[in-house]
Amino acid sequence: GPTTVFVKVETSGENSCHAVKELVIEFLPVPTPVSFDNRVVCDGFILPALPVGQKYFSESGGNGTEYTAGQKLGKGEYQIYVYASNKECFKESTFTLIVRDCTLPKGISPNGDGNNDYLDLADYHAEYISIYNRYGTLVYDKKDYRNEWFGHSNKGEQLPEGTYFMVLKTPVNTIEGWIYLSREIK
């Protein structure tokens, strides 16, 4: 907070004089910048909102391209700096963002062989997934999906081999596609 200090200025010599002045000094705290984990994503990335006084930049020290909250970053690799300032001092954090051009998996084979046993959507950061059978009946759905579908229904029952329709909501888009469920061990 503010601190009061008194400064005395004095001349030397026979006719010396002095003056005392009061100064108020305020030490402003340096805000802590928001920190993000390095991440690999598919389908683009939308920069989230930051607290007041913080901004995104492409270079350290608040230099380079300024990115804005809500901006969609497409395919590429980005080193992003979060710059926080109180007008006099600054702090920053940084993270690496890799946006890949991915394709949805075409099938899974949950047969216990360790290959394609589940629907891997890790790089999509799925907010919601719904899977429908060929008749359009919802058989599986999940918020915040984290590679949990092994070819089962919402009730935990094994679904029959076949083609299923999938709707995937990411932070950027809604993606639709087909996935084949195979149970055959080869």
N, C-alpha and C. Protein backbone atom coordinates (compact mmCIF):
# COMPACT_ATOMS: atom_id res chain seq x y z
N GLY A 1 0.82 -1.20 0.00
CA GLY A 1 0.00 0.00 0.00
C GLY A 1 0.85 1.24 0.00
N PRO A 2 0.22 2.39 0.09
CA PRO A 2 0.97 3.65 0.08
C PRO A 2 1.83 3.79 1.34
N THR A 3 3.02 4.37 1.15
CA THR A 3 3.94 4.62 2.25
C THR A 3 4.36 6.09 2.19
N THR A 4 4.33 6.78 3.34
CA THR A 4 4.73 8.18 3.39
C THR A 4 6.18 8.26 3.82
N VAL A 5 6.96 9.03 3.07
CA VAL A 5 8.36 9.28 3.44
C VAL A 5 8.58 10.79 3.43
N PHE A 6 9.54 11.25 4.25
CA PHE A 6 9.87 12.66 4.31
C PHE A 6 11.30 12.82 3.78
N VAL A 7 11.45 13.79 2.89
CA VAL A 7 12.75 14.05 2.28
C VAL A 7 13.21 15.43 2.75
N LYS A 8 14.43 15.49 3.28
CA LYS A 8 15.00 16.75 3.72
C LYS A 8 16.15 17.09 2.78
N VAL A 9 16.06 18.27 2.17
CA VAL A 9 17.11 18.76 1.28
C VAL A 9 17.75 19.95 1.98
N GLU A 10 19.09 19.92 2.09
CA GLU A 10 19.79 20.94 2.86
C GLU A 10 21.01 21.43 2.08
N THR A 11 21.22 22.71 2.10
CA THR A 11 22.43 23.27 1.48
C THR A 11 23.51 23.34 2.54
N SER A 12 24.73 23.41 2.08
CA SER A 12 25.83 23.50 3.05
C SER A 12 26.41 24.92 3.02
N GLY A 13 27.15 25.20 3.99
CA GLY A 13 27.80 26.50 4.04
C GLY A 13 27.22 27.38 5.13
N GLU A 14 27.68 28.63 5.12
CA GLU A 14 27.32 29.61 6.13
C GLU A 14 25.83 29.95 6.14
N ASN A 15 25.26 30.10 4.99
CA ASN A 15 23.84 30.46 4.89
C ASN A 15 23.00 29.23 4.51
N SER A 16 23.23 28.17 5.18
CA SER A 16 22.52 26.94 4.81
C SER A 16 21.03 27.06 5.13
N CYS A 17 20.32 26.36 4.35
CA CYS A 17 18.87 26.27 4.60
C CYS A 17 18.43 24.87 4.22
N HIS A 18 17.22 24.57 4.60
CA HIS A 18 16.72 23.24 4.27
C HIS A 18 15.21 23.31 4.02
N ALA A 19 14.75 22.27 3.37
CA ALA A 19 13.31 22.13 3.13
C ALA A 19 12.96 20.66 3.35
N VAL A 20 11.79 20.42 3.89
CA VAL A 20 11.31 19.06 4.12
C VAL A 20 10.05 18.89 3.26
N LYS A 21 10.06 17.85 2.49
CA LYS A 21 8.91 17.55 1.63
C LYS A 21 8.39 16.16 1.98
N GLU A 22 7.09 16.06 1.95
CA GLU A 22 6.44 14.78 2.19
C GLU A 22 6.11 14.14 0.85
N LEU A 23 6.47 12.86 0.69
CA LEU A 23 6.17 12.10 -0.52
C LEU A 23 5.38 10.85 -0.14
N VAL A 24 4.41 10.55 -0.95
CA VAL A 24 3.66 9.30 -0.76
C VAL A 24 4.07 8.38 -1.90
N ILE A 25 4.60 7.23 -1.53
CA ILE A 25 5.03 6.23 -2.50
C ILE A 25 4.08 5.05 -2.42
N GLU A 26 3.60 4.65 -3.56
CA GLU A 26 2.71 3.48 -3.58
C GLU A 26 3.36 2.38 -4.39
N PHE A 27 3.52 1.25 -3.77
CA PHE A 27 4.08 0.08 -4.44
C PHE A 27 2.92 -0.74 -4.99
N LEU A 28 2.87 -0.83 -6.29
CA LEU A 28 1.79 -1.57 -6.94
C LEU A 28 2.19 -3.04 -7.05
N PRO A 29 1.28 -3.93 -6.69
CA PRO A 29 1.61 -5.34 -6.84
C PRO A 29 1.67 -5.70 -8.32
N VAL A 30 2.54 -6.61 -8.65
CA VAL A 30 2.62 -7.10 -10.02
C VAL A 30 1.65 -8.29 -10.11
N PRO A 31 0.68 -8.21 -11.01
CA PRO A 31 -0.27 -9.31 -11.10
C PRO A 31 0.40 -10.58 -11.58
N THR A 32 -0.10 -11.71 -11.13
CA THR A 32 0.41 -13.00 -11.58
C THR A 32 -0.31 -13.37 -12.86
N PRO A 33 0.44 -13.60 -13.93
CA PRO A 33 -0.21 -13.92 -15.20
C PRO A 33 -0.87 -15.30 -15.16
N VAL A 34 -1.95 -15.43 -15.89
CA VAL A 34 -2.62 -16.72 -16.02
C VAL A 34 -1.63 -17.69 -16.65
N SER A 35 -1.65 -18.91 -16.18
CA SER A 35 -0.73 -19.92 -16.69
C SER A 35 -1.52 -21.05 -17.34
N PHE A 36 -1.08 -21.49 -18.50
CA PHE A 36 -1.71 -22.60 -19.21
C PHE A 36 -0.69 -23.71 -19.41
N ASP A 37 -1.17 -24.95 -19.47
CA ASP A 37 -0.31 -26.07 -19.79
C ASP A 37 -0.03 -26.08 -21.28
N ASN A 38 1.14 -26.59 -21.66
CA ASN A 38 1.40 -26.83 -23.07
C ASN A 38 0.35 -27.81 -23.57
N ARG A 39 -0.10 -27.64 -24.81
CA ARG A 39 -1.12 -28.55 -25.31
C ARG A 39 -1.03 -28.77 -26.80
N VAL A 40 -1.50 -29.94 -27.18
CA VAL A 40 -1.66 -30.32 -28.58
C VAL A 40 -3.16 -30.47 -28.78
N VAL A 41 -3.67 -29.83 -29.81
CA VAL A 41 -5.11 -29.88 -30.07
C VAL A 41 -5.36 -30.12 -31.55
N CYS A 42 -6.54 -30.62 -31.82
CA CYS A 42 -7.03 -30.76 -33.19
C CYS A 42 -8.13 -29.73 -33.39
N ASP A 43 -8.33 -29.35 -34.63
CA ASP A 43 -9.51 -28.56 -34.97
C ASP A 43 -9.44 -27.11 -34.54
N GLY A 44 -8.29 -26.59 -34.18
CA GLY A 44 -8.17 -25.19 -33.80
C GLY A 44 -8.26 -24.98 -32.30
N PHE A 45 -7.97 -23.75 -31.89
CA PHE A 45 -7.97 -23.40 -30.47
C PHE A 45 -8.45 -21.97 -30.32
N ILE A 46 -9.35 -21.74 -29.40
CA ILE A 46 -9.84 -20.39 -29.14
C ILE A 46 -9.22 -19.90 -27.84
N LEU A 47 -8.51 -18.78 -27.92
CA LEU A 47 -7.86 -18.22 -26.73
C LEU A 47 -8.91 -17.77 -25.72
N PRO A 48 -8.82 -18.26 -24.49
CA PRO A 48 -9.80 -17.87 -23.47
C PRO A 48 -9.58 -16.44 -22.98
N ALA A 49 -10.61 -15.88 -22.36
CA ALA A 49 -10.53 -14.53 -21.80
C ALA A 49 -9.50 -14.50 -20.68
N LEU A 50 -8.86 -13.34 -20.53
CA LEU A 50 -7.87 -13.13 -19.48
C LEU A 50 -8.37 -12.07 -18.50
N PRO A 51 -7.83 -12.05 -17.28
CA PRO A 51 -8.18 -10.97 -16.33
C PRO A 51 -7.72 -9.61 -16.88
N VAL A 52 -8.30 -8.55 -16.36
CA VAL A 52 -7.94 -7.19 -16.75
C VAL A 52 -6.44 -6.99 -16.52
N GLY A 53 -5.77 -6.33 -17.46
CA GLY A 53 -4.35 -6.05 -17.34
C GLY A 53 -3.45 -7.14 -17.88
N GLN A 54 -4.05 -8.18 -18.48
CA GLN A 54 -3.25 -9.25 -19.05
C GLN A 54 -3.56 -9.38 -20.54
N LYS A 55 -2.54 -9.71 -21.31
CA LYS A 55 -2.69 -9.83 -22.76
C LYS A 55 -1.84 -10.99 -23.28
N TYR A 56 -2.23 -11.46 -24.47
CA TYR A 56 -1.47 -12.50 -25.17
C TYR A 56 -0.55 -11.86 -26.20
N PHE A 57 0.69 -12.37 -26.30
CA PHE A 57 1.64 -11.90 -27.30
C PHE A 57 2.40 -13.08 -27.89
N SER A 58 2.99 -12.84 -29.06
CA SER A 58 3.77 -13.89 -29.72
C SER A 58 5.24 -13.85 -29.30
N GLU A 59 5.64 -12.80 -28.60
CA GLU A 59 7.03 -12.70 -28.15
C GLU A 59 7.08 -12.24 -26.70
N SER A 60 8.19 -12.53 -26.05
CA SER A 60 8.38 -12.17 -24.65
C SER A 60 8.36 -10.65 -24.46
N GLY A 61 7.98 -10.23 -23.28
CA GLY A 61 8.01 -8.82 -22.91
C GLY A 61 6.90 -7.98 -23.51
N GLY A 62 5.82 -8.62 -23.96
CA GLY A 62 4.72 -7.87 -24.56
C GLY A 62 5.05 -7.38 -25.96
N ASN A 63 5.87 -8.12 -26.67
CA ASN A 63 6.28 -7.75 -28.02
C ASN A 63 5.69 -8.71 -29.04
N GLY A 64 5.85 -8.36 -30.29
CA GLY A 64 5.37 -9.21 -31.38
C GLY A 64 3.88 -9.03 -31.61
N THR A 65 3.28 -10.03 -32.19
CA THR A 65 1.86 -10.00 -32.50
C THR A 65 1.05 -10.09 -31.21
N GLU A 66 0.05 -9.23 -31.09
CA GLU A 66 -0.86 -9.34 -29.94
C GLU A 66 -2.05 -10.18 -30.36
N TYR A 67 -2.31 -11.23 -29.60
CA TYR A 67 -3.48 -12.07 -29.84
C TYR A 67 -4.60 -11.57 -28.94
N THR A 68 -5.83 -11.80 -29.35
CA THR A 68 -6.97 -11.35 -28.55
C THR A 68 -7.75 -12.55 -28.02
N ALA A 69 -8.34 -12.38 -26.85
CA ALA A 69 -9.19 -13.42 -26.29
C ALA A 69 -10.33 -13.67 -27.27
N GLY A 70 -10.67 -14.92 -27.47
CA GLY A 70 -11.71 -15.29 -28.42
C GLY A 70 -11.19 -15.54 -29.81
N GLN A 71 -9.90 -15.22 -30.04
CA GLN A 71 -9.30 -15.43 -31.37
C GLN A 71 -9.07 -16.92 -31.59
N LYS A 72 -9.41 -17.41 -32.79
CA LYS A 72 -9.20 -18.81 -33.13
C LYS A 72 -7.84 -18.94 -33.82
N LEU A 73 -7.03 -19.85 -33.29
CA LEU A 73 -5.74 -20.13 -33.88
C LEU A 73 -5.84 -21.44 -34.67
N GLY A 74 -5.46 -21.38 -35.92
CA GLY A 74 -5.54 -22.54 -36.79
C GLY A 74 -4.27 -23.37 -36.74
N LYS A 75 -4.15 -24.28 -37.69
CA LYS A 75 -3.05 -25.22 -37.76
C LYS A 75 -1.70 -24.51 -37.66
N GLY A 76 -0.83 -25.04 -36.80
CA GLY A 76 0.50 -24.48 -36.62
C GLY A 76 1.01 -24.69 -35.21
N GLU A 77 2.22 -24.22 -34.97
CA GLU A 77 2.81 -24.29 -33.63
C GLU A 77 3.02 -22.86 -33.15
N TYR A 78 2.57 -22.59 -31.93
CA TYR A 78 2.62 -21.24 -31.38
C TYR A 78 3.32 -21.26 -30.02
N GLN A 79 4.18 -20.29 -29.79
CA GLN A 79 4.71 -20.02 -28.46
C GLN A 79 3.96 -18.78 -28.02
N ILE A 80 3.14 -18.90 -27.00
CA ILE A 80 2.28 -17.79 -26.59
C ILE A 80 2.70 -17.31 -25.21
N TYR A 81 2.83 -16.00 -25.08
CA TYR A 81 3.21 -15.37 -23.83
C TYR A 81 2.00 -14.64 -23.26
N VAL A 82 1.73 -14.87 -21.99
CA VAL A 82 0.69 -14.13 -21.27
C VAL A 82 1.41 -13.07 -20.46
N TYR A 83 1.15 -11.82 -20.80
CA TYR A 83 1.86 -10.67 -20.25
C TYR A 83 0.94 -9.96 -19.26
N ALA A 84 1.42 -9.77 -18.03
CA ALA A 84 0.66 -9.08 -16.99
C ALA A 84 1.48 -7.89 -16.51
N SER A 85 0.86 -6.71 -16.45
CA SER A 85 1.60 -5.50 -16.12
C SER A 85 0.81 -4.62 -15.16
N ASN A 86 1.56 -3.85 -14.34
CA ASN A 86 0.93 -2.84 -13.49
C ASN A 86 1.42 -1.44 -13.86
N LYS A 87 1.86 -1.23 -15.07
CA LYS A 87 2.39 0.01 -15.66
C LYS A 87 3.88 0.17 -15.42
N GLU A 88 4.41 -0.31 -14.32
CA GLU A 88 5.82 -0.16 -14.00
C GLU A 88 6.58 -1.48 -14.15
N CYS A 89 5.97 -2.55 -13.73
CA CYS A 89 6.61 -3.86 -13.73
C CYS A 89 5.72 -4.85 -14.46
N PHE A 90 6.32 -5.96 -14.88
CA PHE A 90 5.53 -6.98 -15.54
C PHE A 90 6.03 -8.37 -15.16
N LYS A 91 5.16 -9.32 -15.34
CA LYS A 91 5.49 -10.73 -15.24
C LYS A 91 4.84 -11.40 -16.44
N GLU A 92 5.36 -12.55 -16.79
CA GLU A 92 4.74 -13.27 -17.89
C GLU A 92 4.85 -14.77 -17.68
N SER A 93 3.95 -15.47 -18.33
CA SER A 93 4.02 -16.92 -18.39
C SER A 93 3.99 -17.27 -19.87
N THR A 94 4.35 -18.48 -20.18
CA THR A 94 4.36 -18.89 -21.58
C THR A 94 3.88 -20.33 -21.71
N PHE A 95 3.32 -20.64 -22.85
CA PHE A 95 2.95 -22.01 -23.14
C PHE A 95 3.07 -22.25 -24.63
N THR A 96 3.26 -23.53 -24.98
CA THR A 96 3.34 -23.93 -26.37
C THR A 96 2.01 -24.55 -26.77
N LEU A 97 1.53 -24.13 -27.91
CA LEU A 97 0.27 -24.65 -28.45
C LEU A 97 0.56 -25.22 -29.83
N ILE A 98 0.23 -26.48 -30.03
CA ILE A 98 0.37 -27.11 -31.35
C ILE A 98 -1.03 -27.47 -31.81
N VAL A 99 -1.44 -26.86 -32.92
CA VAL A 99 -2.75 -27.15 -33.51
C VAL A 99 -2.49 -28.03 -34.74
N ARG A 100 -2.96 -29.26 -34.66
CA ARG A 100 -2.73 -30.22 -35.74
C ARG A 100 -3.96 -30.35 -36.62
N ASP A 101 -3.74 -30.80 -37.82
CA ASP A 101 -4.81 -31.13 -38.74
C ASP A 101 -5.09 -32.62 -38.54
N CYS A 102 -6.11 -32.95 -37.79
CA CYS A 102 -6.39 -34.34 -37.42
C CYS A 102 -7.61 -34.86 -38.17
N THR A 103 -7.69 -36.17 -38.24
CA THR A 103 -8.89 -36.80 -38.77
C THR A 103 -9.47 -37.68 -37.66
N LEU A 104 -10.78 -37.78 -37.64
CA LEU A 104 -11.43 -38.63 -36.65
C LEU A 104 -11.08 -40.09 -36.92
N PRO A 105 -10.94 -40.88 -35.87
CA PRO A 105 -10.72 -42.31 -36.08
C PRO A 105 -11.88 -42.91 -36.87
N LYS A 106 -11.57 -43.88 -37.71
CA LYS A 106 -12.59 -44.53 -38.55
C LYS A 106 -13.19 -45.76 -37.88
N GLY A 107 -12.53 -46.24 -36.83
CA GLY A 107 -13.06 -47.43 -36.17
C GLY A 107 -12.33 -47.75 -34.89
N ILE A 108 -12.96 -48.60 -34.09
CA ILE A 108 -12.32 -49.14 -32.89
C ILE A 108 -12.59 -50.63 -32.85
N SER A 109 -11.72 -51.35 -32.15
CA SER A 109 -11.88 -52.80 -32.00
C SER A 109 -11.60 -53.19 -30.56
N PRO A 110 -12.58 -52.99 -29.69
CA PRO A 110 -12.38 -53.28 -28.26
C PRO A 110 -12.36 -54.79 -27.99
N ASN A 111 -11.28 -55.44 -28.44
CA ASN A 111 -11.18 -56.90 -28.31
C ASN A 111 -10.07 -57.32 -27.35
N GLY A 112 -9.49 -56.36 -26.65
CA GLY A 112 -8.49 -56.69 -25.65
C GLY A 112 -7.08 -56.90 -26.18
N ASP A 113 -6.84 -56.61 -27.48
CA ASP A 113 -5.50 -56.81 -28.02
C ASP A 113 -4.58 -55.61 -27.80
N GLY A 114 -5.11 -54.53 -27.20
CA GLY A 114 -4.30 -53.35 -26.93
C GLY A 114 -4.21 -52.36 -28.08
N ASN A 115 -4.82 -52.66 -29.21
CA ASN A 115 -4.82 -51.77 -30.37
C ASN A 115 -6.24 -51.28 -30.65
N ASN A 116 -6.41 -49.98 -30.68
CA ASN A 116 -7.71 -49.37 -30.99
C ASN A 116 -8.84 -49.91 -30.10
N ASP A 117 -8.55 -50.17 -28.84
CA ASP A 117 -9.57 -50.71 -27.94
C ASP A 117 -10.58 -49.67 -27.48
N TYR A 118 -10.27 -48.39 -27.67
CA TYR A 118 -11.19 -47.32 -27.27
C TYR A 118 -11.13 -46.20 -28.30
N LEU A 119 -12.11 -45.32 -28.25
CA LEU A 119 -12.18 -44.18 -29.16
C LEU A 119 -11.28 -43.08 -28.61
N ASP A 120 -10.14 -42.86 -29.27
CA ASP A 120 -9.14 -41.90 -28.81
C ASP A 120 -9.40 -40.53 -29.44
N LEU A 121 -9.89 -39.61 -28.64
CA LEU A 121 -10.14 -38.23 -29.07
C LEU A 121 -9.41 -37.23 -28.19
N ALA A 122 -8.29 -37.66 -27.57
CA ALA A 122 -7.58 -36.84 -26.59
C ALA A 122 -7.23 -35.45 -27.12
N ASP A 123 -6.75 -35.35 -28.34
CA ASP A 123 -6.29 -34.07 -28.86
C ASP A 123 -7.44 -33.14 -29.26
N TYR A 124 -8.67 -33.63 -29.23
CA TYR A 124 -9.82 -32.78 -29.56
C TYR A 124 -10.34 -32.04 -28.34
N HIS A 125 -9.96 -32.46 -27.13
CA HIS A 125 -10.46 -31.84 -25.89
C HIS A 125 -11.98 -31.77 -25.92
N ALA A 126 -12.58 -32.92 -26.14
CA ALA A 126 -14.02 -33.04 -26.36
C ALA A 126 -14.82 -32.52 -25.17
N GLU A 127 -15.75 -31.63 -25.47
CA GLU A 127 -16.67 -31.14 -24.44
C GLU A 127 -17.87 -32.06 -24.30
N TYR A 128 -18.23 -32.69 -25.42
CA TYR A 128 -19.40 -33.57 -25.40
C TYR A 128 -19.34 -34.49 -26.61
N ILE A 129 -19.72 -35.74 -26.41
CA ILE A 129 -19.80 -36.70 -27.51
C ILE A 129 -21.13 -37.44 -27.41
N SER A 130 -21.72 -37.69 -28.56
CA SER A 130 -22.92 -38.54 -28.61
C SER A 130 -22.74 -39.52 -29.76
N ILE A 131 -23.13 -40.77 -29.51
CA ILE A 131 -23.00 -41.84 -30.50
C ILE A 131 -24.37 -42.47 -30.70
N TYR A 132 -24.73 -42.64 -31.99
CA TYR A 132 -26.04 -43.14 -32.38
C TYR A 132 -25.88 -44.41 -33.19
N ASN A 133 -26.84 -45.33 -33.03
CA ASN A 133 -26.81 -46.54 -33.85
C ASN A 133 -27.38 -46.23 -35.24
N ARG A 134 -27.45 -47.23 -36.10
CA ARG A 134 -27.89 -47.00 -37.48
C ARG A 134 -29.35 -46.60 -37.59
N TYR A 135 -30.12 -46.75 -36.52
CA TYR A 135 -31.52 -46.34 -36.51
C TYR A 135 -31.71 -44.93 -35.96
N GLY A 136 -30.62 -44.29 -35.58
CA GLY A 136 -30.68 -42.93 -35.05
C GLY A 136 -30.94 -42.85 -33.57
N THR A 137 -30.87 -43.98 -32.88
CA THR A 137 -31.10 -44.02 -31.43
C THR A 137 -29.79 -43.70 -30.70
N LEU A 138 -29.85 -42.77 -29.77
CA LEU A 138 -28.69 -42.44 -28.96
C LEU A 138 -28.32 -43.65 -28.11
N VAL A 139 -27.07 -44.13 -28.25
CA VAL A 139 -26.64 -45.29 -27.47
C VAL A 139 -25.59 -44.91 -26.43
N TYR A 140 -24.88 -43.80 -26.67
CA TYR A 140 -23.84 -43.39 -25.73
C TYR A 140 -23.66 -41.88 -25.82
N ASP A 141 -23.53 -41.23 -24.67
CA ASP A 141 -23.16 -39.81 -24.66
C ASP A 141 -22.39 -39.52 -23.38
N LYS A 142 -21.53 -38.50 -23.46
CA LYS A 142 -20.68 -38.18 -22.31
C LYS A 142 -20.20 -36.75 -22.42
N LYS A 143 -20.32 -35.98 -21.32
CA LYS A 143 -19.71 -34.66 -21.22
C LYS A 143 -18.25 -34.84 -20.85
N ASP A 144 -17.41 -33.91 -21.30
CA ASP A 144 -15.98 -33.94 -21.00
C ASP A 144 -15.37 -35.31 -21.28
N TYR A 145 -15.59 -35.79 -22.48
CA TYR A 145 -15.13 -37.12 -22.89
C TYR A 145 -13.61 -37.22 -22.81
N ARG A 146 -13.12 -38.31 -22.20
CA ARG A 146 -11.69 -38.55 -22.06
C ARG A 146 -11.35 -40.00 -22.44
N ASN A 147 -11.57 -40.38 -23.69
CA ASN A 147 -11.21 -41.71 -24.20
C ASN A 147 -11.85 -42.84 -23.41
N GLU A 148 -13.17 -42.76 -23.23
CA GLU A 148 -13.87 -43.71 -22.37
C GLU A 148 -14.82 -44.64 -23.12
N TRP A 149 -14.94 -44.52 -24.44
CA TRP A 149 -15.89 -45.38 -25.14
C TRP A 149 -15.18 -46.61 -25.68
N PHE A 150 -15.60 -47.75 -25.19
CA PHE A 150 -15.05 -49.05 -25.57
C PHE A 150 -16.09 -49.86 -26.32
N GLY A 151 -17.04 -49.19 -26.98
CA GLY A 151 -18.08 -49.90 -27.70
C GLY A 151 -19.22 -50.35 -26.81
N HIS A 152 -19.53 -49.55 -25.80
CA HIS A 152 -20.60 -49.89 -24.86
C HIS A 152 -21.68 -48.80 -24.87
N SER A 153 -22.83 -49.16 -24.35
CA SER A 153 -23.95 -48.21 -24.27
C SER A 153 -23.84 -47.41 -22.98
N ASN A 154 -24.75 -46.46 -22.81
CA ASN A 154 -24.80 -45.69 -21.56
C ASN A 154 -25.06 -46.58 -20.35
N LYS A 155 -25.69 -47.73 -20.59
CA LYS A 155 -25.98 -48.68 -19.51
C LYS A 155 -24.83 -49.64 -19.25
N GLY A 156 -23.74 -49.52 -20.04
CA GLY A 156 -22.58 -50.38 -19.85
C GLY A 156 -22.63 -51.67 -20.65
N GLU A 157 -23.67 -51.86 -21.46
CA GLU A 157 -23.80 -53.08 -22.26
C GLU A 157 -22.94 -52.99 -23.52
N GLN A 158 -22.37 -54.13 -23.94
CA GLN A 158 -21.61 -54.17 -25.18
C GLN A 158 -22.54 -53.94 -26.36
N LEU A 159 -22.15 -53.05 -27.25
CA LEU A 159 -22.94 -52.78 -28.45
C LEU A 159 -22.52 -53.76 -29.55
N PRO A 160 -23.42 -54.08 -30.45
CA PRO A 160 -23.07 -55.00 -31.53
C PRO A 160 -22.13 -54.36 -32.54
N GLU A 161 -21.38 -55.20 -33.21
CA GLU A 161 -20.49 -54.74 -34.27
C GLU A 161 -21.31 -54.01 -35.31
N GLY A 162 -20.76 -52.93 -35.87
CA GLY A 162 -21.47 -52.19 -36.90
C GLY A 162 -20.99 -50.75 -36.98
N THR A 163 -21.68 -49.98 -37.81
CA THR A 163 -21.34 -48.58 -38.03
C THR A 163 -22.21 -47.70 -37.14
N TYR A 164 -21.58 -46.71 -36.52
CA TYR A 164 -22.26 -45.79 -35.61
C TYR A 164 -21.98 -44.35 -36.05
N PHE A 165 -22.95 -43.49 -35.80
CA PHE A 165 -22.81 -42.08 -36.12
C PHE A 165 -22.39 -41.34 -34.87
N MET A 166 -21.42 -40.43 -35.01
CA MET A 166 -20.86 -39.74 -33.86
C MET A 166 -20.97 -38.23 -34.05
N VAL A 167 -21.34 -37.53 -32.99
CA VAL A 167 -21.33 -36.06 -32.97
C VAL A 167 -20.41 -35.65 -31.82
N LEU A 168 -19.39 -34.88 -32.20
CA LEU A 168 -18.36 -34.48 -31.24
C LEU A 168 -18.35 -32.96 -31.14
N LYS A 169 -18.54 -32.44 -29.93
CA LYS A 169 -18.46 -30.99 -29.72
C LYS A 169 -17.12 -30.68 -29.08
N THR A 170 -16.33 -29.84 -29.78
CA THR A 170 -15.03 -29.41 -29.27
C THR A 170 -15.16 -27.96 -28.83
N PRO A 171 -14.13 -27.40 -28.22
CA PRO A 171 -14.21 -25.98 -27.86
C PRO A 171 -14.34 -25.06 -29.08
N VAL A 172 -14.07 -25.60 -30.28
CA VAL A 172 -14.05 -24.78 -31.49
C VAL A 172 -15.23 -25.06 -32.41
N ASN A 173 -15.57 -26.34 -32.62
CA ASN A 173 -16.58 -26.74 -33.59
C ASN A 173 -17.40 -27.92 -33.12
N THR A 174 -18.41 -28.25 -33.91
CA THR A 174 -19.12 -29.51 -33.78
C THR A 174 -18.78 -30.33 -35.01
N ILE A 175 -18.30 -31.55 -34.78
CA ILE A 175 -17.83 -32.42 -35.86
C ILE A 175 -18.71 -33.66 -35.88
N GLU A 176 -19.12 -34.05 -37.06
CA GLU A 176 -19.92 -35.26 -37.23
C GLU A 176 -19.15 -36.26 -38.07
N GLY A 177 -19.34 -37.54 -37.78
CA GLY A 177 -18.66 -38.56 -38.56
C GLY A 177 -19.16 -39.95 -38.21
N TRP A 178 -18.67 -40.92 -38.97
CA TRP A 178 -19.03 -42.32 -38.78
C TRP A 178 -17.87 -43.06 -38.17
N ILE A 179 -18.18 -44.05 -37.34
CA ILE A 179 -17.14 -44.89 -36.76
C ILE A 179 -17.62 -46.34 -36.80
N TYR A 180 -16.70 -47.24 -37.14
CA TYR A 180 -17.05 -48.65 -37.21
C TYR A 180 -16.55 -49.35 -35.95
N LEU A 181 -17.45 -50.13 -35.36
CA LEU A 181 -17.15 -50.90 -34.16
C LEU A 181 -16.95 -52.36 -34.57
N SER A 182 -15.75 -52.88 -34.38
CA SER A 182 -15.42 -54.25 -34.74
C SER A 182 -15.02 -55.01 -33.48
N ARG A 183 -15.53 -56.20 -33.34
CA ARG A 183 -15.18 -57.02 -32.17
C ARG A 183 -14.35 -58.24 -32.55
N GLU A 184 -14.09 -58.41 -33.82
CA GLU A 184 -13.36 -59.58 -34.29
C GLU A 184 -11.90 -59.51 -33.86
N ILE A 185 -11.37 -60.63 -33.38
CA ILE A 185 -9.96 -60.71 -33.05
C ILE A 185 -9.24 -61.31 -34.24
N LYS A 186 -8.24 -60.57 -34.72
CA LYS A 186 -7.52 -61.03 -35.92
C LYS A 186 -6.16 -61.53 -35.55
